N, C-alpha and C. Protein backbone atom coordinates (compact mmCIF):
# COMPACT_ATOMS: atom_id res chain seq x y z
N MET A 1 0.84 -1.16 -0.07
CA MET A 1 0.00 0.03 -0.01
C MET A 1 0.94 1.29 -0.01
N SER A 2 0.58 2.18 -1.02
CA SER A 2 1.42 3.34 -1.00
C SER A 2 1.06 4.38 -0.05
N GLY A 3 1.83 5.27 0.32
CA GLY A 3 1.44 6.28 1.37
C GLY A 3 0.37 7.05 0.94
N TYR A 4 0.20 7.33 -0.34
CA TYR A 4 -0.97 8.13 -0.94
C TYR A 4 -2.25 7.53 -0.62
N SER A 5 -2.34 6.05 -0.97
CA SER A 5 -3.62 5.47 -0.84
C SER A 5 -3.96 5.12 0.63
N MET A 6 -3.07 4.97 1.40
CA MET A 6 -3.24 5.19 2.82
C MET A 6 -3.76 6.36 3.43
N PHE A 7 -3.36 7.46 2.87
CA PHE A 7 -3.75 8.73 3.26
C PHE A 7 -5.24 9.00 2.78
N VAL A 8 -5.56 8.41 1.49
CA VAL A 8 -6.91 8.48 1.03
C VAL A 8 -7.79 7.72 1.71
N ILE A 9 -7.35 6.51 2.15
CA ILE A 9 -8.20 5.65 3.05
C ILE A 9 -8.61 6.15 4.23
N ILE A 10 -7.54 6.82 4.97
CA ILE A 10 -7.88 7.50 6.31
C ILE A 10 -8.83 8.66 6.21
N ILE A 11 -8.47 9.39 5.08
CA ILE A 11 -9.35 10.71 4.90
C ILE A 11 -10.75 10.34 4.57
N ILE A 12 -11.06 9.27 3.86
CA ILE A 12 -12.34 8.71 3.39
C ILE A 12 -13.13 8.12 4.64
N ASN A 13 -12.29 7.41 5.51
CA ASN A 13 -12.78 6.92 6.76
C ASN A 13 -13.16 7.99 7.70
N PHE A 14 -12.38 9.16 7.82
CA PHE A 14 -12.74 10.16 8.62
C PHE A 14 -13.92 10.82 8.27
N ILE A 15 -14.34 11.03 7.07
CA ILE A 15 -15.41 11.47 6.42
C ILE A 15 -16.66 10.76 6.80
N LEU A 16 -16.49 9.38 6.45
CA LEU A 16 -17.56 8.46 6.80
C LEU A 16 -17.94 8.37 8.24
N GLN A 17 -16.98 8.28 9.08
CA GLN A 17 -17.07 8.11 10.52
C GLN A 17 -17.83 9.43 10.97
N SER A 18 -17.52 10.70 10.57
CA SER A 18 -18.13 11.66 11.02
C SER A 18 -19.54 12.11 10.34
N THR A 19 -20.04 11.31 9.40
CA THR A 19 -21.14 11.66 8.81
C THR A 19 -22.11 10.30 8.76
N VAL A 20 -21.89 9.45 7.73
CA VAL A 20 -22.74 8.31 7.61
C VAL A 20 -22.68 7.28 8.69
N PHE A 21 -21.46 7.02 9.25
CA PHE A 21 -21.38 5.99 10.40
C PHE A 21 -22.11 6.36 11.68
N GLN A 22 -22.40 7.81 11.80
CA GLN A 22 -23.14 8.23 13.08
C GLN A 22 -24.32 7.64 12.98
N HIS A 23 -24.99 6.94 12.02
CA HIS A 23 -26.48 6.29 11.88
C HIS A 23 -26.18 4.88 12.50
N PHE A 24 -25.08 4.44 12.60
CA PHE A 24 -24.80 3.01 12.99
C PHE A 24 -24.50 2.86 14.66
N ARG A 25 -24.98 3.67 15.27
CA ARG A 25 -24.60 3.63 16.78
C ARG A 25 -25.47 2.43 17.33
N ILE A 26 -24.78 1.94 18.22
CA ILE A 26 -25.49 0.78 19.27
C ILE A 26 -25.33 1.20 20.53
N GLY A 27 -26.45 1.58 21.08
CA GLY A 27 -26.50 2.01 22.49
C GLY A 27 -25.75 3.32 22.69
N GLY A 28 -25.63 4.14 21.70
CA GLY A 28 -24.95 5.31 21.76
C GLY A 28 -23.36 5.25 21.43
N ILE A 29 -22.90 3.96 21.04
CA ILE A 29 -21.50 3.63 20.80
C ILE A 29 -21.33 3.58 19.16
N LEU A 30 -20.27 4.15 18.99
CA LEU A 30 -19.81 4.17 17.49
C LEU A 30 -18.71 3.34 17.46
N PRO A 31 -18.32 2.42 16.49
CA PRO A 31 -17.16 1.82 16.35
C PRO A 31 -15.99 2.76 15.85
N ASN A 32 -14.87 2.50 16.49
CA ASN A 32 -13.66 3.42 16.26
C ASN A 32 -12.86 2.86 14.91
N THR A 33 -13.52 3.17 13.82
CA THR A 33 -12.87 2.76 12.57
C THR A 33 -11.44 3.29 12.38
N ALA A 34 -11.11 4.50 12.93
CA ALA A 34 -9.75 5.15 12.67
C ALA A 34 -8.79 3.85 13.51
N LEU A 35 -9.23 3.59 14.65
CA LEU A 35 -8.55 2.58 15.36
C LEU A 35 -8.42 1.13 14.63
N ILE A 36 -9.39 0.72 13.90
CA ILE A 36 -9.56 -0.48 13.03
C ILE A 36 -8.48 -0.40 12.11
N ILE A 37 -8.56 0.92 11.24
CA ILE A 37 -7.72 0.90 10.13
C ILE A 37 -6.17 1.08 10.70
N VAL A 38 -5.90 1.56 11.53
CA VAL A 38 -4.59 1.66 12.02
C VAL A 38 -4.05 0.34 12.55
N VAL A 39 -4.87 -0.51 13.13
CA VAL A 39 -4.49 -1.87 13.58
C VAL A 39 -4.33 -2.76 12.35
N SER A 40 -5.21 -2.66 11.37
CA SER A 40 -5.17 -3.40 10.16
C SER A 40 -3.84 -3.03 9.38
N ILE A 41 -3.79 -1.82 9.06
CA ILE A 41 -2.50 -1.40 8.47
C ILE A 41 -1.13 -1.78 9.12
N SER A 42 -1.19 -1.86 10.53
CA SER A 42 -0.06 -2.19 11.20
C SER A 42 0.09 -3.85 11.06
N ILE A 43 -0.84 -4.43 11.30
CA ILE A 43 -0.72 -5.83 10.92
C ILE A 43 -0.28 -6.34 9.51
N LEU A 44 -0.73 -5.73 8.53
CA LEU A 44 -0.42 -6.08 7.28
C LEU A 44 0.95 -5.43 6.65
N SER A 45 1.23 -4.27 7.20
CA SER A 45 2.27 -3.47 6.44
C SER A 45 3.51 -3.31 7.33
N GLY A 46 3.43 -3.41 8.66
CA GLY A 46 4.48 -3.14 9.51
C GLY A 46 4.50 -1.89 10.19
N ARG A 47 5.50 -1.79 10.99
CA ARG A 47 5.68 -0.75 12.01
C ARG A 47 5.62 0.70 11.32
N LYS A 48 6.45 0.97 10.29
CA LYS A 48 6.44 2.32 9.65
C LYS A 48 5.12 2.79 9.04
N LYS A 49 4.57 1.85 8.36
CA LYS A 49 3.20 2.30 7.89
C LYS A 49 2.28 2.42 9.05
N GLY A 50 2.59 1.44 10.00
CA GLY A 50 1.46 1.64 11.20
C GLY A 50 1.59 2.87 11.87
N VAL A 51 2.82 3.27 12.18
CA VAL A 51 3.02 4.58 12.70
C VAL A 51 2.51 5.88 11.95
N THR A 52 2.77 5.64 10.67
CA THR A 52 2.26 6.72 9.66
C THR A 52 0.60 6.82 9.71
N ALA A 53 0.10 5.72 9.65
CA ALA A 53 -1.45 5.65 9.67
C ALA A 53 -1.76 6.30 11.15
N GLY A 54 -1.22 5.81 12.09
CA GLY A 54 -1.54 6.34 13.39
C GLY A 54 -1.48 7.76 13.64
N ILE A 55 -0.30 8.44 13.05
CA ILE A 55 -0.18 9.90 13.05
C ILE A 55 -1.22 10.65 12.32
N ILE A 56 -1.67 9.97 10.96
CA ILE A 56 -2.48 10.68 10.31
C ILE A 56 -4.04 10.64 10.84
N ALA A 57 -4.36 9.51 11.37
CA ALA A 57 -5.69 9.38 11.95
C ALA A 57 -5.61 10.09 13.23
N GLY A 58 -4.81 10.07 13.99
CA GLY A 58 -4.66 10.95 15.29
C GLY A 58 -4.86 12.36 15.09
N ILE A 59 -4.05 12.85 14.10
CA ILE A 59 -4.12 14.27 13.77
C ILE A 59 -5.66 14.66 13.66
N LEU A 60 -6.28 13.92 12.71
CA LEU A 60 -7.69 14.31 12.18
C LEU A 60 -8.52 14.23 13.54
N GLN A 61 -8.55 13.26 14.16
CA GLN A 61 -9.34 13.04 15.37
C GLN A 61 -9.14 14.14 16.37
N ASP A 62 -7.72 14.40 16.49
CA ASP A 62 -7.42 15.60 17.56
C ASP A 62 -7.96 16.89 17.24
N ILE A 63 -7.64 17.10 15.94
CA ILE A 63 -8.11 18.49 15.58
C ILE A 63 -9.66 18.71 15.54
N PHE A 64 -10.43 17.69 15.15
CA PHE A 64 -11.81 17.88 15.03
C PHE A 64 -12.64 17.40 16.21
N PHE A 65 -12.07 16.49 17.07
CA PHE A 65 -12.98 15.82 18.06
C PHE A 65 -12.41 15.89 19.51
N SER A 66 -11.17 16.06 19.51
CA SER A 66 -10.54 15.88 20.79
C SER A 66 -10.55 17.24 21.84
N LYS A 67 -10.42 17.02 22.99
CA LYS A 67 -10.38 18.13 23.99
C LYS A 67 -8.89 18.61 24.11
N ALA A 68 -8.08 17.86 23.75
CA ALA A 68 -6.57 18.20 23.88
C ALA A 68 -5.81 17.68 22.54
N ILE A 69 -5.11 18.34 21.76
CA ILE A 69 -4.27 18.04 20.73
C ILE A 69 -3.10 17.23 21.15
N GLY A 70 -2.99 16.05 20.42
CA GLY A 70 -1.93 15.27 20.64
C GLY A 70 -2.24 13.79 21.20
N ILE A 71 -3.26 13.91 22.07
CA ILE A 71 -3.53 12.41 22.68
C ILE A 71 -3.68 11.33 21.69
N ASN A 72 -4.64 11.35 20.72
CA ASN A 72 -4.97 10.53 19.73
C ASN A 72 -3.63 10.17 18.80
N ILE A 73 -3.01 11.21 18.55
CA ILE A 73 -1.77 11.21 17.66
C ILE A 73 -0.82 10.20 18.40
N LEU A 74 -0.70 10.31 19.85
CA LEU A 74 0.27 9.60 20.59
C LEU A 74 -0.26 7.97 20.73
N ILE A 75 -1.33 8.02 21.06
CA ILE A 75 -2.02 6.56 21.23
C ILE A 75 -2.09 5.78 19.90
N TYR A 76 -2.56 6.40 18.81
CA TYR A 76 -2.63 5.79 17.47
C TYR A 76 -1.15 5.38 17.04
N SER A 77 -0.37 6.35 17.08
CA SER A 77 1.20 5.89 16.47
C SER A 77 1.87 4.97 17.44
N PHE A 78 1.49 4.97 18.62
CA PHE A 78 2.04 4.02 19.67
C PHE A 78 1.56 2.53 19.21
N LEU A 79 0.32 2.54 19.20
CA LEU A 79 -0.40 1.31 18.77
C LEU A 79 0.37 0.85 17.40
N GLY A 80 0.40 1.68 16.38
CA GLY A 80 0.87 1.37 15.13
C GLY A 80 2.34 0.88 15.32
N TYR A 81 3.05 1.48 16.15
CA TYR A 81 4.44 0.99 16.48
C TYR A 81 4.36 -0.44 17.12
N LEU A 82 3.64 -0.54 18.08
CA LEU A 82 3.63 -1.97 18.79
C LEU A 82 3.22 -2.89 17.79
N ILE A 83 1.91 -2.84 17.29
CA ILE A 83 1.40 -3.93 16.63
C ILE A 83 2.33 -4.01 15.27
N GLY A 84 2.80 -3.03 14.66
CA GLY A 84 3.65 -3.15 13.28
C GLY A 84 4.95 -3.93 13.75
N GLY A 85 5.40 -3.97 15.03
CA GLY A 85 6.51 -4.52 15.28
C GLY A 85 6.21 -6.09 15.47
N LEU A 86 5.09 -6.36 15.52
CA LEU A 86 4.74 -7.89 15.48
C LEU A 86 4.49 -8.41 14.14
N GLU A 87 4.36 -7.62 13.14
CA GLU A 87 3.86 -7.97 11.80
C GLU A 87 4.70 -9.14 11.34
N SER A 88 5.91 -9.32 11.36
CA SER A 88 6.64 -10.56 10.79
C SER A 88 6.27 -11.82 11.61
N ARG A 89 5.83 -11.63 12.75
CA ARG A 89 5.45 -12.84 13.71
C ARG A 89 4.11 -13.27 13.63
N LEU A 90 3.27 -12.44 12.80
CA LEU A 90 1.72 -12.77 12.89
C LEU A 90 1.35 -13.57 11.56
N PHE A 91 0.27 -14.31 11.79
CA PHE A 91 -0.38 -15.00 10.63
C PHE A 91 -1.37 -14.05 10.04
N LYS A 92 -1.00 -13.51 9.02
CA LYS A 92 -2.08 -12.58 8.39
C LYS A 92 -3.39 -13.07 7.90
N ASP A 93 -3.41 -14.36 7.50
CA ASP A 93 -4.63 -14.88 7.05
C ASP A 93 -5.49 -15.56 8.11
N ASN A 94 -5.06 -15.43 9.28
CA ASN A 94 -5.78 -15.93 10.55
C ASN A 94 -6.60 -14.69 11.06
N TYR A 95 -7.94 -14.90 11.03
CA TYR A 95 -8.71 -13.74 11.58
C TYR A 95 -8.92 -13.74 13.03
N ILE A 96 -8.28 -14.72 13.64
CA ILE A 96 -8.29 -14.75 15.29
C ILE A 96 -7.25 -13.59 15.76
N THR A 97 -6.20 -13.56 15.03
CA THR A 97 -5.22 -12.50 15.45
C THR A 97 -5.66 -11.02 15.35
N PRO A 98 -6.35 -10.61 14.23
CA PRO A 98 -6.86 -9.23 14.32
C PRO A 98 -7.91 -8.97 15.17
N LEU A 99 -8.85 -10.14 15.52
CA LEU A 99 -9.85 -9.96 16.30
C LEU A 99 -9.34 -9.77 17.76
N ILE A 100 -8.35 -10.46 18.04
CA ILE A 100 -7.73 -10.29 19.54
C ILE A 100 -7.00 -8.96 19.70
N LEU A 101 -6.28 -8.52 18.58
CA LEU A 101 -5.56 -7.25 18.54
C LEU A 101 -6.63 -5.91 18.52
N MET A 102 -7.69 -6.17 17.86
CA MET A 102 -8.69 -5.12 18.01
C MET A 102 -9.33 -4.89 19.26
N ILE A 103 -9.70 -5.95 20.04
CA ILE A 103 -10.17 -5.90 21.44
C ILE A 103 -9.07 -5.37 22.33
N LEU A 104 -7.79 -5.83 22.29
CA LEU A 104 -6.92 -5.37 23.13
C LEU A 104 -6.55 -3.85 22.74
N SER A 105 -6.38 -3.50 21.61
CA SER A 105 -6.33 -2.27 21.05
C SER A 105 -7.24 -1.21 21.69
N THR A 106 -8.58 -1.64 21.71
CA THR A 106 -9.68 -0.83 22.15
C THR A 106 -9.58 -0.63 23.61
N PHE A 107 -9.25 -1.57 24.27
CA PHE A 107 -8.89 -1.44 25.82
C PHE A 107 -7.82 -0.60 26.14
N PHE A 108 -6.54 -0.63 25.25
CA PHE A 108 -5.44 0.04 25.55
C PHE A 108 -5.70 1.50 25.12
N TYR A 109 -6.47 1.75 24.04
CA TYR A 109 -6.81 3.28 23.70
C TYR A 109 -7.46 3.81 24.65
N HIS A 110 -8.62 3.21 25.13
CA HIS A 110 -9.31 3.69 26.13
C HIS A 110 -8.52 4.08 27.58
N GLY A 111 -7.80 3.14 27.83
CA GLY A 111 -7.05 3.12 29.22
C GLY A 111 -6.09 4.28 29.17
N ILE A 112 -5.30 4.43 28.14
CA ILE A 112 -4.39 5.45 27.91
C ILE A 112 -5.11 6.90 27.81
N TYR A 113 -6.13 6.94 26.91
CA TYR A 113 -6.86 8.07 26.76
C TYR A 113 -7.35 8.74 27.95
N PHE A 114 -8.01 7.71 28.93
CA PHE A 114 -8.58 8.36 30.15
C PHE A 114 -7.51 8.57 31.14
N VAL A 115 -6.35 7.92 31.21
CA VAL A 115 -5.30 8.27 32.12
C VAL A 115 -4.76 9.81 31.77
N LEU A 116 -4.51 10.02 30.44
CA LEU A 116 -4.01 11.07 30.02
C LEU A 116 -5.06 12.31 30.22
N MET A 117 -6.32 12.06 30.05
CA MET A 117 -7.43 13.04 30.26
C MET A 117 -7.33 13.37 31.87
N HIS A 118 -7.11 12.44 32.60
CA HIS A 118 -6.94 12.64 34.08
C HIS A 118 -5.92 13.48 34.49
N PHE A 119 -4.73 13.25 33.89
CA PHE A 119 -3.79 14.20 34.11
C PHE A 119 -3.87 15.64 33.54
N LEU A 120 -4.57 15.77 32.63
CA LEU A 120 -5.10 16.95 32.05
C LEU A 120 -6.22 17.67 32.88
N ARG A 121 -6.57 17.01 34.08
CA ARG A 121 -7.60 17.61 34.77
C ARG A 121 -8.89 17.61 34.32
N HIS A 122 -9.31 16.68 33.49
CA HIS A 122 -10.62 16.25 32.98
C HIS A 122 -11.32 15.40 33.87
N ARG A 123 -12.65 15.50 34.09
CA ARG A 123 -13.28 14.59 35.21
C ARG A 123 -13.65 13.42 34.28
N VAL A 124 -13.19 12.15 34.87
CA VAL A 124 -13.33 10.79 34.29
C VAL A 124 -13.95 9.98 35.17
N ASP A 125 -15.09 9.12 34.76
CA ASP A 125 -15.72 8.33 35.61
C ASP A 125 -15.39 6.94 35.07
N TYR A 126 -14.18 6.41 35.57
CA TYR A 126 -13.58 5.08 35.01
C TYR A 126 -14.71 3.95 34.82
N ILE A 127 -15.22 3.75 35.96
CA ILE A 127 -16.19 2.50 36.10
C ILE A 127 -17.21 2.67 35.13
N SER A 128 -17.92 3.65 35.16
CA SER A 128 -19.11 3.95 34.20
C SER A 128 -18.56 3.74 32.82
N ILE A 129 -17.49 4.27 32.33
CA ILE A 129 -17.01 4.30 31.14
C ILE A 129 -16.40 2.80 30.72
N LEU A 130 -15.89 2.15 31.60
CA LEU A 130 -15.54 0.79 31.32
C LEU A 130 -16.76 -0.26 31.13
N ARG A 131 -17.78 0.10 31.96
CA ARG A 131 -18.94 -0.75 31.80
C ARG A 131 -19.76 -0.46 30.62
N THR A 132 -20.00 0.68 30.36
CA THR A 132 -20.91 1.12 29.18
C THR A 132 -20.21 1.36 27.86
N VAL A 133 -18.95 1.90 27.96
CA VAL A 133 -18.24 2.29 26.61
C VAL A 133 -17.34 1.20 26.15
N ILE A 134 -16.35 0.91 26.90
CA ILE A 134 -15.21 0.02 26.58
C ILE A 134 -15.48 -1.45 26.11
N PHE A 135 -16.45 -2.03 27.02
CA PHE A 135 -16.97 -3.39 26.60
C PHE A 135 -17.57 -3.36 25.30
N THR A 136 -18.53 -2.54 25.22
CA THR A 136 -19.49 -2.50 24.00
C THR A 136 -18.65 -2.23 22.77
N GLU A 137 -17.69 -1.08 22.98
CA GLU A 137 -17.16 -0.59 21.61
C GLU A 137 -16.02 -1.68 21.41
N SER A 138 -15.50 -2.67 22.24
CA SER A 138 -14.43 -3.51 21.94
C SER A 138 -15.09 -4.72 21.17
N ILE A 139 -16.38 -5.00 21.44
CA ILE A 139 -17.22 -5.97 20.71
C ILE A 139 -17.40 -5.49 19.22
N TYR A 140 -17.94 -4.16 19.37
CA TYR A 140 -18.45 -3.58 18.19
C TYR A 140 -17.17 -3.46 17.20
N ASN A 141 -15.86 -2.94 17.82
CA ASN A 141 -14.83 -2.68 17.01
C ASN A 141 -14.27 -4.03 16.39
N SER A 142 -14.29 -5.24 17.26
CA SER A 142 -14.00 -6.52 16.77
C SER A 142 -14.68 -6.99 15.58
N ILE A 143 -16.06 -6.76 15.68
CA ILE A 143 -17.00 -7.24 14.59
C ILE A 143 -16.71 -6.55 13.31
N VAL A 144 -16.73 -5.15 13.38
CA VAL A 144 -16.40 -4.29 12.13
C VAL A 144 -15.05 -4.39 11.78
N GLY A 145 -14.05 -4.61 12.73
CA GLY A 145 -12.74 -4.67 12.46
C GLY A 145 -12.37 -6.06 11.55
N ILE A 146 -13.12 -7.20 11.75
CA ILE A 146 -12.95 -8.13 11.03
C ILE A 146 -13.29 -8.00 9.60
N LEU A 147 -14.34 -7.31 9.51
CA LEU A 147 -14.78 -6.92 8.02
C LEU A 147 -14.03 -5.96 7.25
N ILE A 148 -13.60 -4.92 7.96
CA ILE A 148 -12.60 -4.16 7.39
C ILE A 148 -11.27 -4.66 7.18
N TYR A 149 -10.65 -5.53 8.02
CA TYR A 149 -9.56 -6.33 7.90
C TYR A 149 -9.60 -7.18 6.73
N ARG A 150 -10.68 -7.95 6.52
CA ARG A 150 -10.89 -8.77 5.39
C ARG A 150 -10.81 -7.95 3.99
N ILE A 151 -11.35 -6.80 4.01
CA ILE A 151 -11.28 -5.93 2.78
C ILE A 151 -9.85 -5.69 2.63
N PHE A 152 -9.07 -5.13 3.68
CA PHE A 152 -7.70 -4.81 3.50
C PHE A 152 -6.92 -6.06 3.07
N PHE A 153 -7.02 -7.17 3.68
CA PHE A 153 -6.30 -8.35 3.28
C PHE A 153 -6.65 -8.78 1.96
N ASN A 154 -7.93 -8.87 1.40
CA ASN A 154 -8.26 -9.38 0.18
C ASN A 154 -7.83 -8.37 -1.00
N ARG A 155 -8.44 -7.01 -0.74
CA ARG A 155 -8.65 -6.20 -1.86
C ARG A 155 -7.50 -5.22 -2.05
N VAL A 156 -7.20 -4.58 -0.83
CA VAL A 156 -6.28 -3.68 -0.84
C VAL A 156 -4.69 -4.34 -0.84
N TYR A 157 -4.40 -5.31 -0.16
CA TYR A 157 -3.18 -5.86 -0.17
C TYR A 157 -3.02 -7.15 -1.14
N GLY A 158 -4.09 -7.46 -1.69
CA GLY A 158 -4.04 -8.61 -2.72
C GLY A 158 -3.73 -9.87 -2.35
N TYR A 159 -3.96 -10.27 -1.06
CA TYR A 159 -3.72 -11.58 -0.48
C TYR A 159 -4.79 -12.43 -0.86
N LYS A 160 -4.70 -13.71 -0.96
CA LYS A 160 -5.89 -14.63 -1.40
C LYS A 160 -6.00 -15.73 -0.19
């Protein structure tokens, strides 16, 4: 995947996530498709493209949705770095691997996000968020994530 096509995919995802995907909420929860794309690119392309995807997706989310600039950039690029580092050791055609990584990444994302927001003096109700948001979003991300991963795996990367 070229850098240009990755950029276009992330931009299209951002537009869809902030418009069309808003109608697919379950219990007020929306899947984090930016996270899903960063994880998928990291698994399939490695550390360098994973970090790049994380930076691009993080910049867009921080500018338009975040209370503090830099948090999403940090989290997404770090996830791209960690998962991309495992790229050579992962079985890319096995859908269990991305499923587990989507769930773990969702927990990691929210854990780091709320710790950083706490240090920035934003009020955070961890237990309520864990119960209502993180569990639901991790299931939603894993289901949507497998579909997106399959599209990346088959169509974008040309694996069979």
